[in-house]
Amino acid sequence: MVEVFCTNVNERLIADMLLGKLSARLPEASFHFDLEDCDRILRVECHSDCTAGVVEELNAHGYHCALLS
């Protein structure tokens, strides 16, 4: 399952830190930020529903994260 989120992450250093946090929290998933996209996309590939965990992790660090429809 691939889920796509829009975020307000705009710096590569921050994105890399968040990728580390997400990988620790959801080790079965893979993550990729596209900061060049206007929605600053976060793509998540996971075998189960990990939406809540992704949103909670980014929100916990003060960043907006919402599932794109």
Protein backbone atom coordinates (compact mmCIF):
# COMPACT_ATOMS: atom_id res chain seq x y z
CA MET A 1 0.00 0.00 0.00
CA VAL A 2 1.33 3.44 -0.92
CA GLU A 3 0.04 6.49 0.91
CA VAL A 4 0.80 10.08 -0.08
CA PHE A 5 0.79 12.94 2.40
CA CYS A 6 1.15 16.68 1.99
CA THR A 7 3.40 18.32 4.58
CA ASN A 8 4.92 21.66 5.43
CA VAL A 9 8.46 20.27 5.71
CA ASN A 10 10.66 22.49 3.55
CA GLU A 11 14.25 21.70 4.52
CA ARG A 12 16.24 18.59 3.59
CA LEU A 13 17.91 18.44 7.03
CA ILE A 14 14.51 18.38 8.76
CA ALA A 15 13.17 15.84 6.25
CA ASP A 16 16.14 13.56 6.94
CA MET A 17 15.61 13.82 10.70
CA LEU A 18 11.92 13.00 10.29
CA LEU A 19 12.72 10.05 8.01
CA GLY A 20 14.89 8.64 10.79
CA LYS A 21 12.11 9.09 13.35
CA LEU A 22 9.53 7.51 11.02
CA SER A 23 11.81 4.57 10.23
CA ALA A 24 12.34 3.93 13.94
CA ARG A 25 8.62 4.10 14.66
CA LEU A 26 7.49 2.12 11.58
CA PRO A 27 10.45 -0.11 10.58
CA GLU A 28 8.33 -2.14 8.14
CA ALA A 29 7.61 0.94 6.00
CA SER A 30 9.68 2.91 3.52
CA PHE A 31 9.52 6.70 3.24
CA HIS A 32 10.45 9.35 0.69
CA PHE A 33 10.06 13.15 0.79
CA ASP A 34 9.64 15.16 -2.42
CA LEU A 35 10.38 18.68 -1.23
CA GLU A 36 10.38 20.02 -4.79
CA ASP A 37 6.64 19.33 -5.10
CA CYS A 38 4.39 22.25 -4.10
CA ASP A 39 2.71 20.02 -1.48
CA ARG A 40 6.09 18.83 -0.10
CA ILE A 41 4.99 15.24 -0.57
CA LEU A 42 5.80 12.39 1.77
CA ARG A 43 5.29 8.97 0.13
CA VAL A 44 4.96 5.98 2.41
CA GLU A 45 4.99 2.35 1.34
CA CYS A 46 3.67 0.04 4.05
CA HIS A 47 2.01 -3.37 4.17
CA SER A 48 -0.54 -2.19 6.73
CA ASP A 49 -2.36 1.06 7.47
CA CYS A 50 0.25 3.36 8.96
CA THR A 51 -1.54 6.68 8.36
CA ALA A 52 -2.11 7.50 12.03
CA GLY A 53 1.50 6.75 12.98
CA VAL A 54 2.89 8.96 10.21
CA VAL A 55 0.60 11.88 11.02
CA GLU A 56 1.24 11.56 14.78
CA GLU A 57 5.01 11.47 14.32
CA LEU A 58 5.17 14.58 12.14
CA ASN A 59 2.66 16.43 14.36
CA ALA A 60 4.73 15.53 17.44
CA HIS A 61 7.65 17.42 15.87
CA GLY A 62 5.51 20.44 15.01
CA TYR A 63 4.88 19.72 11.33
CA HIS A 64 1.63 19.52 9.39
CA CYS A 65 0.90 16.22 7.67
CA ALA A 66 -2.34 15.25 5.94
CA LEU A 67 -3.28 12.33 3.71
CA LEU A 68 -3.84 13.47 0.12
CA SER A 69 -7.09 12.29 -1.37
